[in-house]
Each structure stands twice: as structure tokens, then as C-alpha cells.
Amino acid sequence: MPNQKKDLQIGELRDILAETKGAVLTEYRGLTVADMTKLRRKLLDQNAEYHIVKNTLFKRALGDALNPELEELLKGPTAIVFLKSEITAPTKTVLDFVRDSKKPEVKVKGGYYEGKVYNPEQVLAISKLPSREQLVASVCGSINAPLSNFVGTLDNIIGSFVRTVQAIADKKAEEAA
């Protein structure tokens, strides 16, 4: 029976891995169930999941995707934030949570995104990047600015022309009177 249970857990981990783009690995010792529930709720809003995993089962689930750098991160108690869509917002949430928990034993071990392993300092740098929504807004603003300026310029040209024609009409009306 234990082998069937482990095979089922490995299958579940493979399913989760198939849906994710990356992961942030953390140590969770010192966190209470309430702390973990609070973090899980925050991450669910950002399309990410927080799971405590057995390192050996996670290694089996990774299969050929396991590289020596990632294997090095899988030592000791490990909880993983699986990133399903965006990387920056959930990463920032995890780092803020670790900082706010004020428990030195809770820390980020590293990250894994699209085949590349990141150390804790690189994960911190990723968390400081703008989110996808912020980047889209910035690009839209950059595209919109020249168009707005062009419309303003056209409006000024047409307005100047109309005022000139009106001035000529007013002058002709004065001369006729």
C-alpha cells in the first residue's frame, strides 16, 4: 500500500508541474498551520499554490528535469510555491511573507523557472521586477503617448486655421460696415 500512495503523490506532483512555469522553494520550519493557510490564500489569488513536499517524491516527479543545482536546493524540509502564470507577484508575496513572519528558520532556498535555477538573491531580484499587468500598462502608455500628442497637434492646426478664417471673416465684416 505505501508504494501506491507514493505513486499517487508523484502523479499529483507531475500534474502540478505540468501546469506550472516555475517554483520558489522555501523552508517552512517554524510556520504554524495558520501561517501556512494565510500564505496559501494570498497565493491562490495570484494563481500559485503552496505545497509541502517530500524531497524524494519531488525528485521522482521531476524525472529528467532534475539537474544538480535544483537537487542541491532539495535538502532539508521543503515547501514549494508552484507558479502557474506569473512569476513576480507570487514571488514578492512569498518574500514579503518570509520577512513579515520574523522567524529566522523560515527562508527562501531558491527558485526554478523555465529550466533555470535561481539562488535566493536572484529570487529577491525577480520579486522586484514589475508585474505582467504593470508591464502591459507601461507598454500601452508608451504606445498611447505619441498618438495623443499627434491628435493634440492636429487639433491645434485645425483650431489655428479656424481662428484665422474667423479673423478674416470678422475683418471683412468690419470693412463692409
N, C-alpha and C. Protein backbone atom coordinates (compact mmCIF):
# COMPACT_ATOMS: atom_id res chain seq x y z
N MET A 1 0.79 -1.21 0.00
CA MET A 1 0.00 0.00 0.00
C MET A 1 0.83 1.27 0.00
N PRO A 2 1.93 1.35 0.78
CA PRO A 2 2.68 2.61 0.77
C PRO A 2 3.19 2.98 -0.63
N ASN A 3 3.54 1.99 -1.45
CA ASN A 3 4.04 2.31 -2.78
C ASN A 3 2.95 2.92 -3.65
N GLN A 4 1.72 2.43 -3.51
CA GLN A 4 0.61 3.02 -4.27
C GLN A 4 0.37 4.46 -3.84
N LYS A 5 0.47 4.72 -2.56
CA LYS A 5 0.28 6.07 -2.05
C LYS A 5 1.37 7.00 -2.59
N LYS A 6 2.61 6.52 -2.58
CA LYS A 6 3.71 7.34 -3.10
C LYS A 6 3.55 7.56 -4.60
N ASP A 7 3.14 6.53 -5.33
CA ASP A 7 2.92 6.68 -6.77
C ASP A 7 1.83 7.70 -7.05
N LEU A 8 0.80 7.69 -6.23
CA LEU A 8 -0.28 8.66 -6.37
C LEU A 8 0.22 10.08 -6.11
N GLN A 9 1.04 10.26 -5.08
CA GLN A 9 1.60 11.58 -4.77
C GLN A 9 2.52 12.06 -5.89
N ILE A 10 3.33 11.14 -6.43
CA ILE A 10 4.22 11.51 -7.55
C ILE A 10 3.38 11.93 -8.75
N GLY A 11 2.31 11.21 -9.01
CA GLY A 11 1.41 11.58 -10.12
C GLY A 11 0.80 12.95 -9.92
N GLU A 12 0.37 13.24 -8.69
CA GLU A 12 -0.19 14.56 -8.39
C GLU A 12 0.84 15.65 -8.59
N LEU A 13 2.08 15.40 -8.14
CA LEU A 13 3.15 16.38 -8.33
C LEU A 13 3.44 16.59 -9.81
N ARG A 14 3.43 15.52 -10.60
CA ARG A 14 3.65 15.66 -12.05
C ARG A 14 2.55 16.50 -12.69
N ASP A 15 1.31 16.30 -12.24
CA ASP A 15 0.19 17.09 -12.77
C ASP A 15 0.39 18.57 -12.45
N ILE A 16 0.80 18.85 -11.22
CA ILE A 16 1.04 20.24 -10.81
C ILE A 16 2.19 20.82 -11.63
N LEU A 17 3.27 20.05 -11.79
CA LEU A 17 4.42 20.53 -12.55
C LEU A 17 4.06 20.81 -14.01
N ALA A 18 3.16 20.01 -14.57
CA ALA A 18 2.75 20.21 -15.97
C ALA A 18 2.04 21.55 -16.14
N GLU A 19 1.39 22.04 -15.09
CA GLU A 19 0.65 23.30 -15.16
C GLU A 19 1.48 24.52 -14.77
N THR A 20 2.68 24.31 -14.25
CA THR A 20 3.45 25.43 -13.71
C THR A 20 4.56 25.87 -14.64
N LYS A 21 4.93 27.13 -14.47
CA LYS A 21 6.05 27.70 -15.21
C LYS A 21 7.31 27.73 -14.36
N GLY A 22 7.14 27.68 -13.05
CA GLY A 22 8.29 27.75 -12.17
C GLY A 22 7.89 27.48 -10.74
N ALA A 23 8.88 27.64 -9.86
CA ALA A 23 8.64 27.37 -8.45
C ALA A 23 9.61 28.17 -7.59
N VAL A 24 9.17 28.46 -6.38
CA VAL A 24 10.03 29.06 -5.36
C VAL A 24 10.08 28.06 -4.22
N LEU A 25 11.30 27.65 -3.85
CA LEU A 25 11.48 26.66 -2.80
C LEU A 25 11.80 27.36 -1.48
N THR A 26 11.11 26.94 -0.43
CA THR A 26 11.29 27.57 0.88
C THR A 26 11.47 26.51 1.96
N GLU A 27 12.02 26.97 3.07
CA GLU A 27 11.99 26.16 4.28
C GLU A 27 10.78 26.62 5.07
N TYR A 28 10.09 25.69 5.67
CA TYR A 28 8.84 26.05 6.33
C TYR A 28 8.87 25.80 7.84
N ARG A 29 9.97 25.29 8.37
CA ARG A 29 10.03 25.04 9.81
C ARG A 29 9.74 26.32 10.57
N GLY A 30 8.92 26.22 11.60
CA GLY A 30 8.59 27.38 12.40
C GLY A 30 7.26 28.00 12.04
N LEU A 31 6.70 27.63 10.88
CA LEU A 31 5.41 28.16 10.49
C LEU A 31 4.29 27.35 11.13
N THR A 32 3.30 28.03 11.59
CA THR A 32 2.13 27.34 12.13
C THR A 32 1.18 27.01 10.98
N VAL A 33 0.20 26.18 11.25
CA VAL A 33 -0.81 25.85 10.25
C VAL A 33 -1.54 27.12 9.83
N ALA A 34 -1.82 27.99 10.77
CA ALA A 34 -2.50 29.26 10.45
C ALA A 34 -1.65 30.12 9.52
N ASP A 35 -0.32 30.15 9.76
CA ASP A 35 0.58 30.92 8.89
C ASP A 35 0.53 30.37 7.46
N MET A 36 0.62 29.05 7.36
CA MET A 36 0.62 28.43 6.03
C MET A 36 -0.71 28.65 5.31
N THR A 37 -1.80 28.59 6.05
CA THR A 37 -3.11 28.81 5.45
C THR A 37 -3.22 30.25 4.95
N LYS A 38 -2.73 31.18 5.72
CA LYS A 38 -2.74 32.60 5.32
C LYS A 38 -1.94 32.79 4.03
N LEU A 39 -0.74 32.19 3.97
CA LEU A 39 0.09 32.30 2.77
C LEU A 39 -0.59 31.63 1.57
N ARG A 40 -1.16 30.47 1.79
CA ARG A 40 -1.84 29.76 0.69
C ARG A 40 -2.97 30.60 0.11
N ARG A 41 -3.73 31.26 0.97
CA ARG A 41 -4.84 32.11 0.49
C ARG A 41 -4.33 33.26 -0.35
N LYS A 42 -3.26 33.89 0.11
CA LYS A 42 -2.68 35.01 -0.66
C LYS A 42 -2.21 34.53 -2.02
N LEU A 43 -1.59 33.36 -2.06
CA LEU A 43 -1.04 32.84 -3.31
C LEU A 43 -2.12 32.36 -4.27
N LEU A 44 -3.22 31.85 -3.75
CA LEU A 44 -4.31 31.41 -4.62
C LEU A 44 -4.86 32.56 -5.44
N ASP A 45 -4.89 33.76 -4.85
CA ASP A 45 -5.35 34.95 -5.58
C ASP A 45 -4.42 35.29 -6.74
N GLN A 46 -3.19 34.80 -6.69
CA GLN A 46 -2.19 35.11 -7.72
C GLN A 46 -1.89 33.89 -8.60
N ASN A 47 -2.79 32.92 -8.59
CA ASN A 47 -2.66 31.72 -9.41
C ASN A 47 -1.37 30.95 -9.09
N ALA A 48 -1.12 30.77 -7.81
CA ALA A 48 0.04 30.00 -7.35
C ALA A 48 -0.41 29.11 -6.19
N GLU A 49 0.32 28.04 -5.97
CA GLU A 49 -0.03 27.10 -4.90
C GLU A 49 1.18 26.85 -4.02
N TYR A 50 0.94 26.64 -2.73
CA TYR A 50 1.99 26.37 -1.75
C TYR A 50 1.79 24.96 -1.22
N HIS A 51 2.79 24.10 -1.44
CA HIS A 51 2.71 22.70 -1.02
C HIS A 51 3.98 22.30 -0.25
N ILE A 52 3.77 21.53 0.80
CA ILE A 52 4.90 20.89 1.46
C ILE A 52 5.11 19.57 0.74
N VAL A 53 6.34 19.33 0.30
CA VAL A 53 6.61 18.13 -0.49
C VAL A 53 7.75 17.33 0.13
N LYS A 54 7.69 16.05 -0.12
CA LYS A 54 8.81 15.19 0.25
C LYS A 54 9.84 15.31 -0.86
N ASN A 55 11.07 15.59 -0.50
CA ASN A 55 12.11 15.80 -1.50
C ASN A 55 12.27 14.62 -2.45
N THR A 56 12.26 13.41 -1.92
CA THR A 56 12.46 12.24 -2.79
C THR A 56 11.31 12.09 -3.79
N LEU A 57 10.09 12.34 -3.35
CA LEU A 57 8.95 12.24 -4.26
C LEU A 57 8.99 13.35 -5.31
N PHE A 58 9.41 14.54 -4.90
CA PHE A 58 9.51 15.64 -5.85
C PHE A 58 10.60 15.36 -6.89
N LYS A 59 11.70 14.79 -6.46
CA LYS A 59 12.77 14.44 -7.39
C LYS A 59 12.27 13.42 -8.41
N ARG A 60 11.51 12.45 -7.94
CA ARG A 60 10.95 11.45 -8.87
C ARG A 60 9.96 12.09 -9.83
N ALA A 61 9.16 13.01 -9.34
CA ALA A 61 8.19 13.69 -10.19
C ALA A 61 8.89 14.52 -11.27
N LEU A 62 10.02 15.13 -10.92
CA LEU A 62 10.77 15.93 -11.89
C LEU A 62 11.39 15.05 -12.96
N GLY A 63 11.84 13.88 -12.59
CA GLY A 63 12.44 12.96 -13.56
C GLY A 63 13.66 13.56 -14.22
N ASP A 64 13.64 13.64 -15.56
CA ASP A 64 14.78 14.14 -16.32
C ASP A 64 15.01 15.64 -16.14
N ALA A 65 14.00 16.36 -15.68
CA ALA A 65 14.14 17.81 -15.49
C ALA A 65 14.98 18.15 -14.27
N LEU A 66 15.27 17.16 -13.42
CA LEU A 66 16.07 17.40 -12.22
C LEU A 66 17.53 17.58 -12.61
N ASN A 67 18.09 18.72 -12.26
CA ASN A 67 19.51 18.96 -12.51
C ASN A 67 20.23 19.11 -11.17
N PRO A 68 21.56 19.04 -11.16
CA PRO A 68 22.30 19.09 -9.89
C PRO A 68 22.04 20.35 -9.06
N GLU A 69 21.87 21.50 -9.72
CA GLU A 69 21.61 22.74 -8.99
C GLU A 69 20.28 22.67 -8.25
N LEU A 70 19.26 22.14 -8.92
CA LEU A 70 17.96 22.02 -8.29
C LEU A 70 17.98 20.96 -7.19
N GLU A 71 18.71 19.90 -7.43
CA GLU A 71 18.82 18.84 -6.42
C GLU A 71 19.47 19.38 -5.15
N GLU A 72 20.39 20.31 -5.29
CA GLU A 72 21.05 20.93 -4.14
C GLU A 72 20.06 21.70 -3.27
N LEU A 73 19.04 22.29 -3.89
CA LEU A 73 18.02 23.04 -3.15
C LEU A 73 17.06 22.11 -2.40
N LEU A 74 17.01 20.87 -2.83
CA LEU A 74 16.07 19.91 -2.23
C LEU A 74 16.71 19.14 -1.09
N LYS A 75 17.24 19.87 -0.15
CA LYS A 75 17.81 19.27 1.06
C LYS A 75 17.10 19.89 2.26
N GLY A 76 16.74 19.07 3.20
CA GLY A 76 16.03 19.56 4.37
C GLY A 76 14.55 19.73 4.07
N PRO A 77 13.79 20.17 5.06
CA PRO A 77 12.34 20.36 4.87
C PRO A 77 12.07 21.39 3.77
N THR A 78 11.20 21.03 2.85
CA THR A 78 10.96 21.89 1.70
C THR A 78 9.47 22.09 1.46
N ALA A 79 9.11 23.33 1.24
CA ALA A 79 7.77 23.68 0.77
C ALA A 79 7.98 24.46 -0.53
N ILE A 80 7.09 24.22 -1.46
CA ILE A 80 7.28 24.80 -2.79
C ILE A 80 6.06 25.64 -3.18
N VAL A 81 6.35 26.82 -3.71
CA VAL A 81 5.32 27.66 -4.30
C VAL A 81 5.36 27.39 -5.79
N PHE A 82 4.30 26.78 -6.31
CA PHE A 82 4.21 26.49 -7.73
C PHE A 82 3.58 27.68 -8.43
N LEU A 83 4.31 28.26 -9.39
CA LEU A 83 3.89 29.47 -10.10
C LEU A 83 3.21 29.06 -11.40
N LYS A 84 1.91 29.28 -11.49
CA LYS A 84 1.17 28.80 -12.65
C LYS A 84 1.12 29.80 -13.81
N SER A 85 1.18 31.08 -13.53
CA SER A 85 1.11 32.05 -14.63
C SER A 85 2.23 33.06 -14.55
N GLU A 86 2.17 33.90 -13.55
CA GLU A 86 3.16 34.97 -13.43
C GLU A 86 4.18 34.61 -12.35
N ILE A 87 5.37 35.16 -12.49
CA ILE A 87 6.43 34.82 -11.54
C ILE A 87 6.64 35.92 -10.49
N THR A 88 6.49 37.18 -10.85
CA THR A 88 6.90 38.26 -9.95
C THR A 88 5.97 38.47 -8.76
N ALA A 89 4.67 38.53 -8.98
CA ALA A 89 3.75 38.81 -7.88
C ALA A 89 3.76 37.73 -6.80
N PRO A 90 3.67 36.44 -7.17
CA PRO A 90 3.74 35.41 -6.12
C PRO A 90 5.09 35.39 -5.41
N THR A 91 6.16 35.63 -6.15
CA THR A 91 7.49 35.65 -5.55
C THR A 91 7.58 36.78 -4.53
N LYS A 92 7.06 37.94 -4.90
CA LYS A 92 7.04 39.08 -3.96
C LYS A 92 6.20 38.74 -2.73
N THR A 93 5.08 38.09 -2.92
CA THR A 93 4.21 37.71 -1.81
C THR A 93 4.95 36.78 -0.85
N VAL A 94 5.65 35.81 -1.39
CA VAL A 94 6.40 34.85 -0.55
C VAL A 94 7.50 35.57 0.22
N LEU A 95 8.26 36.41 -0.46
CA LEU A 95 9.35 37.12 0.22
C LEU A 95 8.82 38.08 1.28
N ASP A 96 7.72 38.76 0.99
CA ASP A 96 7.10 39.63 2.00
C ASP A 96 6.63 38.82 3.19
N PHE A 97 6.05 37.66 2.93
CA PHE A 97 5.57 36.80 4.00
C PHE A 97 6.73 36.32 4.87
N VAL A 98 7.82 35.90 4.23
CA VAL A 98 9.00 35.43 4.98
C VAL A 98 9.55 36.56 5.84
N ARG A 99 9.63 37.77 5.27
CA ARG A 99 10.13 38.92 6.03
C ARG A 99 9.22 39.27 7.19
N ASP A 100 7.91 39.28 6.93
CA ASP A 100 6.94 39.66 7.95
C ASP A 100 6.77 38.60 9.04
N SER A 101 7.10 37.35 8.72
CA SER A 101 6.93 36.28 9.73
C SER A 101 7.93 36.43 10.87
N LYS A 102 9.06 37.08 10.60
CA LYS A 102 10.10 37.34 11.60
C LYS A 102 10.55 36.04 12.30
N LYS A 103 10.59 34.98 11.51
CA LYS A 103 11.08 33.69 12.00
C LYS A 103 12.31 33.34 11.19
N PRO A 104 13.49 33.36 11.81
CA PRO A 104 14.72 33.16 11.06
C PRO A 104 14.83 31.80 10.38
N GLU A 105 14.12 30.80 10.89
CA GLU A 105 14.21 29.48 10.28
C GLU A 105 13.40 29.38 8.99
N VAL A 106 12.49 30.32 8.76
CA VAL A 106 11.71 30.36 7.53
C VAL A 106 12.47 31.21 6.53
N LYS A 107 12.84 30.58 5.41
CA LYS A 107 13.62 31.32 4.42
C LYS A 107 13.40 30.75 3.03
N VAL A 108 13.77 31.53 2.04
CA VAL A 108 13.70 31.10 0.65
C VAL A 108 15.01 30.39 0.32
N LYS A 109 14.89 29.18 -0.23
CA LYS A 109 16.07 28.41 -0.61
C LYS A 109 16.55 28.78 -2.01
N GLY A 110 15.60 29.07 -2.87
CA GLY A 110 15.94 29.39 -4.26
C GLY A 110 14.70 29.30 -5.12
N GLY A 111 14.91 29.34 -6.42
CA GLY A 111 13.79 29.28 -7.36
C GLY A 111 14.14 28.48 -8.59
N TYR A 112 13.12 28.16 -9.34
CA TYR A 112 13.27 27.39 -10.56
C TYR A 112 12.25 27.94 -11.54
N TYR A 113 12.72 28.39 -12.70
CA TYR A 113 11.81 28.96 -13.69
C TYR A 113 12.29 28.60 -15.08
N GLU A 114 11.42 27.92 -15.83
CA GLU A 114 11.69 27.52 -17.20
C GLU A 114 13.07 26.89 -17.36
N GLY A 115 13.39 25.95 -16.48
CA GLY A 115 14.62 25.17 -16.60
C GLY A 115 15.85 25.78 -15.96
N LYS A 116 15.75 27.00 -15.45
CA LYS A 116 16.91 27.65 -14.83
C LYS A 116 16.70 27.74 -13.33
N VAL A 117 17.77 27.47 -12.59
CA VAL A 117 17.73 27.52 -11.13
C VAL A 117 18.27 28.87 -10.66
N TYR A 118 17.59 29.46 -9.68
CA TYR A 118 17.98 30.77 -9.15
C TYR A 118 18.30 30.66 -7.67
N ASN A 119 19.33 31.38 -7.24
CA ASN A 119 19.67 31.41 -5.82
C ASN A 119 18.76 32.43 -5.12
N PRO A 120 18.79 32.48 -3.77
CA PRO A 120 17.89 33.39 -3.05
C PRO A 120 18.03 34.86 -3.45
N GLU A 121 19.24 35.31 -3.74
CA GLU A 121 19.44 36.71 -4.14
C GLU A 121 18.78 36.98 -5.49
N GLN A 122 18.86 36.03 -6.40
CA GLN A 122 18.22 36.20 -7.70
C GLN A 122 16.70 36.17 -7.57
N VAL A 123 16.19 35.34 -6.66
CA VAL A 123 14.75 35.31 -6.42
C VAL A 123 14.30 36.67 -5.88
N LEU A 124 15.09 37.26 -5.00
CA LEU A 124 14.78 38.60 -4.48
C LEU A 124 14.74 39.62 -5.62
N ALA A 125 15.70 39.53 -6.54
CA ALA A 125 15.73 40.45 -7.68
C ALA A 125 14.49 40.26 -8.57
N ILE A 126 14.07 39.02 -8.76
CA ILE A 126 12.88 38.74 -9.56
C ILE A 126 11.65 39.37 -8.92
N SER A 127 11.59 39.32 -7.59
CA SER A 127 10.43 39.87 -6.89
C SER A 127 10.32 41.39 -7.06
N LYS A 128 11.41 42.03 -7.40
CA LYS A 128 11.41 43.49 -7.56
C LYS A 128 11.05 43.92 -8.98
N LEU A 129 10.94 42.96 -9.89
CA LEU A 129 10.55 43.28 -11.26
C LEU A 129 9.08 43.70 -11.29
N PRO A 130 8.70 44.52 -12.26
CA PRO A 130 7.28 44.88 -12.36
C PRO A 130 6.45 43.66 -12.77
N SER A 131 5.20 43.64 -12.35
CA SER A 131 4.32 42.53 -12.69
C SER A 131 3.93 42.61 -14.16
N ARG A 132 3.32 41.55 -14.64
CA ARG A 132 2.89 41.50 -16.03
C ARG A 132 1.90 42.63 -16.32
N GLU A 133 0.97 42.86 -15.41
CA GLU A 133 -0.03 43.92 -15.60
C GLU A 133 0.63 45.29 -15.68
N GLN A 134 1.64 45.51 -14.84
CA GLN A 134 2.35 46.79 -14.86
C GLN A 134 3.10 46.97 -16.18
N LEU A 135 3.70 45.90 -16.68
CA LEU A 135 4.41 45.98 -17.96
C LEU A 135 3.45 46.27 -19.11
N VAL A 136 2.30 45.61 -19.11
CA VAL A 136 1.30 45.85 -20.16
C VAL A 136 0.83 47.29 -20.11
N ALA A 137 0.56 47.80 -18.91
CA ALA A 137 0.12 49.20 -18.77
C ALA A 137 1.20 50.15 -19.26
N SER A 138 2.44 49.85 -18.96
CA SER A 138 3.55 50.71 -19.39
C SER A 138 3.68 50.72 -20.91
N VAL A 139 3.56 49.55 -21.53
CA VAL A 139 3.65 49.48 -22.99
C VAL A 139 2.48 50.22 -23.63
N CYS A 140 1.28 50.02 -23.09
CA CYS A 140 0.11 50.73 -23.63
C CYS A 140 0.28 52.24 -23.50
N GLY A 141 0.79 52.68 -22.36
CA GLY A 141 1.04 54.11 -22.17
C GLY A 141 2.07 54.64 -23.15
N SER A 142 3.10 53.84 -23.41
CA SER A 142 4.14 54.25 -24.35
C SER A 142 3.60 54.34 -25.77
N ILE A 143 2.70 53.44 -26.11
CA ILE A 143 2.10 53.47 -27.44
C ILE A 143 1.10 54.61 -27.54
N ASN A 144 0.36 54.86 -26.47
CA ASN A 144 -0.68 55.87 -26.46
C ASN A 144 -0.13 57.30 -26.48
N ALA A 145 1.00 57.54 -25.86
CA ALA A 145 1.54 58.90 -25.74
C ALA A 145 1.78 59.56 -27.10
N PRO A 146 2.49 58.93 -28.04
CA PRO A 146 2.68 59.59 -29.34
C PRO A 146 1.36 59.85 -30.08
N LEU A 147 0.42 58.91 -29.95
CA LEU A 147 -0.87 59.11 -30.61
C LEU A 147 -1.61 60.30 -30.01
N SER A 148 -1.57 60.43 -28.70
CA SER A 148 -2.21 61.57 -28.04
C SER A 148 -1.56 62.88 -28.47
N ASN A 149 -0.24 62.88 -28.54
CA ASN A 149 0.48 64.08 -28.99
C ASN A 149 0.11 64.43 -30.43
N PHE A 150 -0.02 63.43 -31.30
CA PHE A 150 -0.37 63.65 -32.69
C PHE A 150 -1.77 64.25 -32.80
N VAL A 151 -2.70 63.70 -32.05
CA VAL A 151 -4.07 64.22 -32.06
C VAL A 151 -4.09 65.66 -31.54
N GLY A 152 -3.33 65.94 -30.49
CA GLY A 152 -3.25 67.31 -29.97
C GLY A 152 -2.69 68.27 -31.01
N THR A 153 -1.66 67.85 -31.72
CA THR A 153 -1.06 68.69 -32.76
C THR A 153 -2.06 68.96 -33.88
N LEU A 154 -2.75 67.92 -34.33
CA LEU A 154 -3.76 68.11 -35.37
C LEU A 154 -4.86 69.06 -34.90
N ASP A 155 -5.28 68.91 -33.66
CA ASP A 155 -6.31 69.77 -33.10
C ASP A 155 -5.85 71.23 -33.09
N ASN A 156 -4.60 71.46 -32.74
CA ASN A 156 -4.07 72.83 -32.73
C ASN A 156 -4.00 73.41 -34.13
N ILE A 157 -3.60 72.60 -35.12
CA ILE A 157 -3.51 73.09 -36.50
C ILE A 157 -4.90 73.47 -37.02
N ILE A 158 -5.85 72.58 -36.80
CA ILE A 158 -7.22 72.85 -37.27
C ILE A 158 -7.80 74.06 -36.53
N GLY A 159 -7.54 74.12 -35.21
CA GLY A 159 -8.02 75.27 -34.43
C GLY A 159 -7.43 76.58 -34.92
N SER A 160 -6.13 76.58 -35.23
CA SER A 160 -5.48 77.79 -35.75
C SER A 160 -6.08 78.19 -37.09
N PHE A 161 -6.33 77.22 -37.94
CA PHE A 161 -6.93 77.50 -39.24
C PHE A 161 -8.32 78.11 -39.08
N VAL A 162 -9.13 77.54 -38.22
CA VAL A 162 -10.49 78.04 -37.99
C VAL A 162 -10.44 79.45 -37.41
N ARG A 163 -9.53 79.70 -36.46
CA ARG A 163 -9.44 81.05 -35.90
C ARG A 163 -8.96 82.07 -36.94
N THR A 164 -8.07 81.67 -37.82
CA THR A 164 -7.60 82.57 -38.89
C THR A 164 -8.73 82.90 -39.84
N VAL A 165 -9.48 81.88 -40.26
CA VAL A 165 -10.62 82.11 -41.16
C VAL A 165 -11.64 83.03 -40.48
N GLN A 166 -11.89 82.80 -39.19
CA GLN A 166 -12.85 83.64 -38.45
C GLN A 166 -12.35 85.08 -38.37
N ALA A 167 -11.04 85.27 -38.16
CA ALA A 167 -10.48 86.62 -38.09
C ALA A 167 -10.61 87.34 -39.43
N ILE A 168 -10.37 86.61 -40.50
CA ILE A 168 -10.52 87.21 -41.84
C ILE A 168 -11.98 87.59 -42.08
N ALA A 169 -12.89 86.69 -41.68
CA ALA A 169 -14.33 86.98 -41.87
C ALA A 169 -14.74 88.20 -41.05
N ASP A 170 -14.24 88.28 -39.80
CA ASP A 170 -14.56 89.43 -38.96
C ASP A 170 -14.01 90.73 -39.57
N LYS A 171 -12.81 90.67 -40.10
CA LYS A 171 -12.19 91.87 -40.71
C LYS A 171 -12.96 92.32 -41.94
N LYS A 172 -13.40 91.37 -42.76
CA LYS A 172 -14.19 91.70 -43.96
C LYS A 172 -15.54 92.31 -43.55
N ALA A 173 -16.11 91.81 -42.45
CA ALA A 173 -17.42 92.31 -41.98
C ALA A 173 -17.24 93.76 -41.48
N GLU A 174 -16.09 94.06 -40.82
CA GLU A 174 -15.84 95.43 -40.36
C GLU A 174 -15.66 96.37 -41.53
N GLU A 175 -14.92 95.95 -42.55
CA GLU A 175 -14.68 96.80 -43.73
C GLU A 175 -15.96 97.07 -44.49
N ALA A 176 -16.85 96.08 -44.52
CA ALA A 176 -18.12 96.25 -45.24
C ALA A 176 -19.06 97.19 -44.50
N ALA A 177 -18.91 97.30 -43.22
CA ALA A 177 -19.84 98.14 -42.45
C ALA A 177 -19.42 99.54 -42.40
